[in-house]
């Protein structure tokens, strides 16, 4: 009779409490790379800048600048680099989020859905912030940038992030059962997308036999469509934004079912196998 009872919360109060929990989990996920969140974000920006400079030097040495879209060459490079990084970071963040056997799940408000959502949103936050800062710095310090359809181009960034989260969800569900396979697949997938994502070329310039090697990749479609929205001189004919969206939804549904099944069979002994 002396036990305290918790009053049921309304829908709005529960939503606020969940949002607050996700917010603190996002901060924790961002600070995983470094104790200082600002330093963690700067490190991510430097990684993006190094990618852009490396591809700029490579294109210049190989004399491939003329094969790019007519317009700002660095914007052409960044349109591929940013979507590639957003996609791969989302895959790694969601696949590496807290599982059902994690010690964090011992805390009552914490759930696997909160851990997954915070990892995905944390990756998106860092990438979008890096994108805005780098584009603004380039616009102010070097040449003015013109993105023809910025909202649509940003939508392609969100699609690249969404497909990365969906694939990461599937890998997260498989990780307790096949930890070695998931680790190797994640590494190979990220390395293969250095070329398979199509950030070094555009689909309209590829012959049909080469196009068949890349059009399976949702990231390839997202990058090509983003360049169509960013440049007035480019109209993508061999890609679509619907394909990566549908692939992402299918992978997300399979991943959610797999995560639900894995959570029901969770065991603390899995930590010893990781």
Protein backbone atom coordinates (compact mmCIF):
# COMPACT_ATOMS: atom_id res chain seq x y z
CA UNK A 1 0.00 0.00 0.00
CA UNK A 2 3.02 2.25 0.40
CA UNK A 3 4.27 1.70 -3.15
CA UNK A 4 4.42 4.86 -5.25
CA UNK A 5 2.48 4.82 -8.45
CA UNK A 6 3.57 6.70 -11.55
CA UNK A 7 0.89 8.83 -13.08
CA UNK A 8 0.29 8.13 -16.76
CA UNK A 9 1.52 10.88 -19.05
CA UNK A 10 -0.50 12.40 -21.82
CA UNK A 11 0.45 12.18 -25.49
CA UNK A 12 2.06 15.61 -25.55
CA UNK A 13 4.03 15.06 -22.32
CA UNK A 14 5.25 11.67 -23.56
CA UNK A 15 6.35 13.23 -26.85
CA UNK A 16 8.27 15.98 -25.04
CA UNK A 17 9.94 13.44 -22.75
CA UNK A 18 10.89 11.27 -25.73
CA UNK A 19 12.25 14.28 -27.64
CA UNK A 20 14.33 15.31 -24.62
CA UNK A 21 15.71 11.79 -24.27
CA UNK A 22 16.61 11.67 -27.97
CA UNK A 23 18.26 15.09 -27.71
CA UNK A 24 20.56 14.00 -24.87
CA UNK A 25 21.32 10.76 -26.73
CA UNK A 26 22.23 12.78 -29.84
CA UNK A 27 24.67 14.86 -27.78
CA UNK A 28 26.19 11.66 -26.41
CA UNK A 29 26.53 10.15 -29.91
CA UNK A 30 28.16 13.32 -31.29
CA UNK A 31 30.66 13.37 -28.42
CA UNK A 32 31.69 9.76 -29.00
CA UNK A 33 34.43 10.90 -31.39
CA UNK A 34 35.84 13.41 -28.89
CA UNK A 35 35.03 14.65 -25.41
CA UNK A 36 34.56 18.13 -26.84
CA UNK A 37 31.57 18.25 -29.21
CA UNK A 38 33.02 21.27 -31.03
CA UNK A 39 36.26 19.40 -31.75
CA UNK A 40 34.29 16.38 -32.99
CA UNK A 41 32.40 18.56 -35.48
CA UNK A 42 35.60 20.31 -36.62
CA UNK A 43 37.24 16.92 -37.19
CA UNK A 44 34.33 15.92 -39.43
CA UNK A 45 34.63 19.20 -41.37
CA UNK A 46 38.34 18.63 -41.87
CA UNK A 47 37.62 15.15 -43.20
CA UNK A 48 35.20 16.58 -45.76
CA UNK A 49 37.68 19.30 -46.75
CA UNK A 50 40.46 16.74 -47.21
CA UNK A 51 38.19 14.63 -49.41
CA UNK A 52 37.35 17.63 -51.58
CA UNK A 53 41.00 18.71 -51.91
CA UNK A 54 42.15 15.17 -52.71
CA UNK A 55 39.60 14.79 -55.51
CA UNK A 56 40.33 18.28 -56.82
CA UNK A 57 44.05 17.48 -57.08
CA UNK A 58 43.32 14.09 -58.67
CA UNK A 59 40.98 15.57 -61.29
CA UNK A 60 43.49 18.32 -62.05
CA UNK A 61 46.46 15.96 -62.44
CA UNK A 62 44.51 13.49 -64.59
CA UNK A 63 43.06 16.30 -66.71
CA UNK A 64 39.45 15.27 -66.04
CA UNK A 65 38.11 18.71 -65.17
CA UNK A 66 36.72 19.12 -68.68
CA UNK A 67 34.60 15.98 -68.26
CA UNK A 68 32.65 17.51 -65.37
CA UNK A 69 29.42 19.49 -65.59
CA UNK A 70 29.69 23.05 -66.87
CA UNK A 71 29.62 25.21 -63.76
CA UNK A 72 31.59 25.53 -60.56
CA UNK A 73 34.00 22.59 -60.48
CA UNK A 74 34.37 22.47 -56.70
CA UNK A 75 30.59 22.44 -56.29
CA UNK A 76 30.53 19.47 -58.64
CA UNK A 77 33.04 17.66 -56.41
CA UNK A 78 31.32 18.67 -53.16
CA UNK A 79 27.91 17.53 -54.40
CA UNK A 80 29.30 13.99 -54.59
CA UNK A 81 31.51 14.11 -51.50
CA UNK A 82 28.83 15.43 -49.14
CA UNK A 83 26.23 12.87 -50.16
CA UNK A 84 28.79 10.06 -49.99
CA UNK A 85 29.93 11.08 -46.50
CA UNK A 86 26.36 11.54 -45.26
CA UNK A 87 25.38 8.09 -46.55
CA UNK A 88 28.41 6.23 -45.17
CA UNK A 89 28.33 8.06 -41.83
CA UNK A 90 24.65 7.14 -41.44
CA UNK A 91 25.41 3.48 -42.19
CA UNK A 92 28.21 3.41 -39.60
CA UNK A 93 26.28 5.36 -36.96
CA UNK A 94 23.11 3.26 -37.09
CA UNK A 95 24.94 -0.06 -37.45
CA UNK A 96 27.13 0.87 -34.48
CA UNK A 97 24.35 2.13 -32.21
CA UNK A 98 23.47 0.59 -28.86
CA UNK A 99 21.94 -2.88 -29.19
CA UNK A 100 19.43 -4.63 -26.95
CA UNK A 101 22.21 -6.21 -24.87
CA UNK A 102 24.03 -2.92 -24.29
CA UNK A 103 24.48 -1.72 -20.69
CA UNK A 104 22.69 1.49 -21.68
CA UNK A 105 19.48 -0.51 -22.06
CA UNK A 106 19.53 -1.15 -18.29
CA UNK A 107 18.30 2.43 -17.80
CA UNK A 108 14.51 2.53 -17.79
CA UNK A 109 13.82 5.36 -20.28
CA UNK A 110 16.38 4.08 -22.79
CA UNK A 111 15.25 1.87 -25.66
CA UNK A 112 16.86 0.60 -28.83
CA UNK A 113 14.62 2.88 -30.92
CA UNK A 114 15.92 5.92 -29.02
CA UNK A 115 19.51 4.75 -29.54
CA UNK A 116 18.96 4.21 -33.27
CA UNK A 117 17.15 7.53 -33.75
CA UNK A 118 19.80 9.48 -31.85
CA UNK A 119 22.63 7.86 -33.83
CA UNK A 120 20.92 8.62 -37.14
CA UNK A 121 19.98 12.20 -36.24
CA UNK A 122 23.41 12.84 -34.73
CA UNK A 123 25.10 11.79 -37.97
CA UNK A 124 22.73 13.99 -39.99
CA UNK A 125 23.29 16.97 -37.70
CA UNK A 126 27.08 16.78 -37.99
CA UNK A 127 27.00 16.36 -41.77
CA UNK A 128 24.51 19.17 -42.38
CA UNK A 129 26.42 21.53 -40.11
CA UNK A 130 29.67 20.68 -41.91
CA UNK A 131 27.97 21.19 -45.28
CA UNK A 132 26.60 24.62 -44.34
CA UNK A 133 29.88 25.86 -42.87
CA UNK A 134 32.04 24.65 -45.77
CA UNK A 135 29.70 26.00 -48.46
CA UNK A 136 29.40 29.34 -46.66
CA UNK A 137 33.17 29.63 -46.25
CA UNK A 138 33.70 28.83 -49.95
CA UNK A 139 30.96 31.28 -50.96
CA UNK A 140 32.44 34.12 -48.88
CA UNK A 141 36.17 33.51 -49.28
CA UNK A 142 36.44 32.35 -52.90
CA UNK A 143 33.60 32.64 -55.42
CA UNK A 144 29.84 33.14 -54.98
CA UNK A 145 27.93 29.88 -55.26
CA UNK A 146 24.66 29.45 -57.11
CA UNK A 147 22.58 26.32 -56.49
CA UNK A 148 19.65 26.34 -58.89
CA UNK A 149 17.23 24.33 -56.74
CA UNK A 150 18.66 24.21 -53.21
CA UNK A 151 15.61 22.67 -51.52
CA UNK A 152 15.44 19.79 -53.99
CA UNK A 153 19.22 19.30 -53.80
CA UNK A 154 19.00 19.15 -50.00
CA UNK A 155 16.21 16.61 -50.39
CA UNK A 156 18.64 14.34 -52.25
CA UNK A 157 21.02 14.68 -49.29
CA UNK A 158 18.20 13.52 -47.01
CA UNK A 159 17.50 10.57 -49.31
CA UNK A 160 21.18 9.58 -49.21
CA UNK A 161 21.03 9.81 -45.40
CA UNK A 162 17.78 7.83 -45.26
CA UNK A 163 19.12 4.97 -47.40
CA UNK A 164 22.24 4.88 -45.21
CA UNK A 165 20.08 4.66 -42.06
CA UNK A 166 17.98 1.89 -43.62
CA UNK A 167 21.04 -0.18 -44.55
CA UNK A 168 22.54 0.48 -41.11
CA UNK A 169 19.31 -0.74 -39.53
CA UNK A 170 19.56 -4.01 -41.44
CA UNK A 171 23.20 -4.43 -40.41
CA UNK A 172 22.32 -3.65 -36.79
CA UNK A 173 19.74 -6.45 -36.79
CA UNK A 174 22.28 -8.87 -38.27
CA UNK A 175 25.24 -7.86 -36.09
CA UNK A 176 24.46 -10.01 -33.01
CA UNK A 177 24.06 -13.09 -35.24
CA UNK A 178 26.92 -12.47 -37.70
CA UNK A 179 29.28 -9.91 -36.12
CA UNK A 180 32.31 -10.71 -38.31
CA UNK A 181 30.31 -10.62 -41.54
CA UNK A 182 28.70 -7.29 -40.64
CA UNK A 183 32.06 -5.74 -39.78
CA UNK A 184 33.66 -6.89 -43.04
CA UNK A 185 30.62 -5.96 -45.13
CA UNK A 186 30.47 -2.46 -43.65
CA UNK A 187 34.14 -1.85 -44.43
CA UNK A 188 33.90 -3.24 -47.97
CA UNK A 189 30.68 -1.34 -48.68
CA UNK A 190 32.15 2.00 -47.63
CA UNK A 191 35.32 1.40 -49.66
CA UNK A 192 33.41 0.21 -52.73
CA UNK A 193 31.20 3.31 -52.68
CA UNK A 194 34.28 5.43 -53.28
CA UNK A 195 33.77 4.40 -56.92
CA UNK A 196 30.31 2.80 -57.06
CA UNK A 197 28.59 5.95 -55.75
CA UNK A 198 29.40 7.74 -59.01
CA UNK A 199 30.70 10.88 -57.37
CA UNK A 200 33.60 11.04 -59.83
CA UNK A 201 31.42 11.08 -62.97
CA UNK A 202 27.87 11.72 -64.14
CA UNK A 203 25.43 9.13 -65.44
CA UNK A 204 24.70 10.96 -68.71
CA UNK A 205 28.32 10.52 -69.86
CA UNK A 206 28.50 6.77 -69.19
CA UNK A 207 28.02 4.15 -71.92
CA UNK A 208 25.25 1.64 -71.34
CA UNK A 209 27.56 -1.23 -70.34
CA UNK A 210 29.13 0.93 -67.61
CA UNK A 211 25.80 2.37 -66.50
CA UNK A 212 24.60 -1.14 -65.66
CA UNK A 213 27.52 -1.46 -63.22
CA UNK A 214 26.35 1.49 -61.13
CA UNK A 215 22.59 1.97 -61.42
CA UNK A 216 21.91 -0.69 -58.76
CA UNK A 217 23.33 1.67 -56.15
CA UNK A 218 20.79 4.01 -54.51
CA UNK A 219 23.57 6.48 -53.67
CA UNK A 220 24.47 6.70 -57.36
CA UNK A 221 20.92 7.85 -58.15
CA UNK A 222 20.84 10.33 -55.26
CA UNK A 223 24.14 11.97 -56.28
CA UNK A 224 23.17 12.18 -59.94
CA UNK A 225 19.79 13.69 -59.08
CA UNK A 226 21.41 16.17 -56.67
CA UNK A 227 23.66 17.41 -59.45
CA UNK A 228 20.64 17.83 -61.67
CA UNK A 229 19.09 20.13 -59.07
CA UNK A 230 22.35 21.95 -58.29
CA UNK A 231 23.37 22.74 -61.91
CA UNK A 232 21.21 24.40 -64.52
CA UNK A 233 23.24 22.78 -67.32
CA UNK A 234 22.68 19.17 -66.25
CA UNK A 235 19.49 17.15 -66.69
CA UNK A 236 19.88 13.56 -65.39
CA UNK A 237 18.30 11.04 -67.76
CA UNK A 238 19.40 7.70 -66.31
CA UNK A 239 18.63 8.13 -62.62
CA UNK A 240 15.61 8.83 -60.43
CA UNK A 241 15.02 9.85 -56.82
CA UNK A 242 12.17 7.34 -56.46
CA UNK A 243 14.49 4.32 -56.72
CA UNK A 244 16.65 5.09 -53.64
CA UNK A 245 13.54 6.07 -51.69
CA UNK A 246 11.85 2.74 -52.36
CA UNK A 247 15.04 0.79 -51.68
CA UNK A 248 15.44 2.66 -48.39
CA UNK A 249 11.87 1.90 -47.34
CA UNK A 250 12.27 -1.81 -48.15
CA UNK A 251 15.56 -2.06 -46.25
CA UNK A 252 14.08 -0.13 -43.32
CA UNK A 253 11.08 -2.47 -43.05
CA UNK A 254 13.29 -5.55 -43.18
CA UNK A 255 15.67 -3.98 -40.66
CA UNK A 256 12.86 -3.11 -38.25
CA UNK A 257 11.49 -6.65 -38.39
CA UNK A 258 14.98 -8.05 -37.87
CA UNK A 259 15.68 -5.69 -34.98
CA UNK A 260 12.38 -6.67 -33.31
CA UNK A 261 13.24 -10.36 -33.63
CA UNK A 262 16.80 -9.79 -32.38
CA UNK A 263 15.57 -7.76 -29.41
CA UNK A 264 13.28 -10.61 -28.33
CA UNK A 265 16.21 -13.03 -28.36
CA UNK A 266 18.78 -10.64 -26.88
CA UNK A 267 21.36 -12.08 -24.54
CA UNK A 268 24.10 -10.41 -22.50
CA UNK A 269 26.48 -13.13 -23.64
CA UNK A 270 26.49 -11.56 -27.11
CA UNK A 271 28.80 -8.85 -25.79
CA UNK A 272 31.50 -11.46 -25.30
CA UNK A 273 31.35 -12.38 -28.99
CA UNK A 274 31.73 -8.84 -30.30
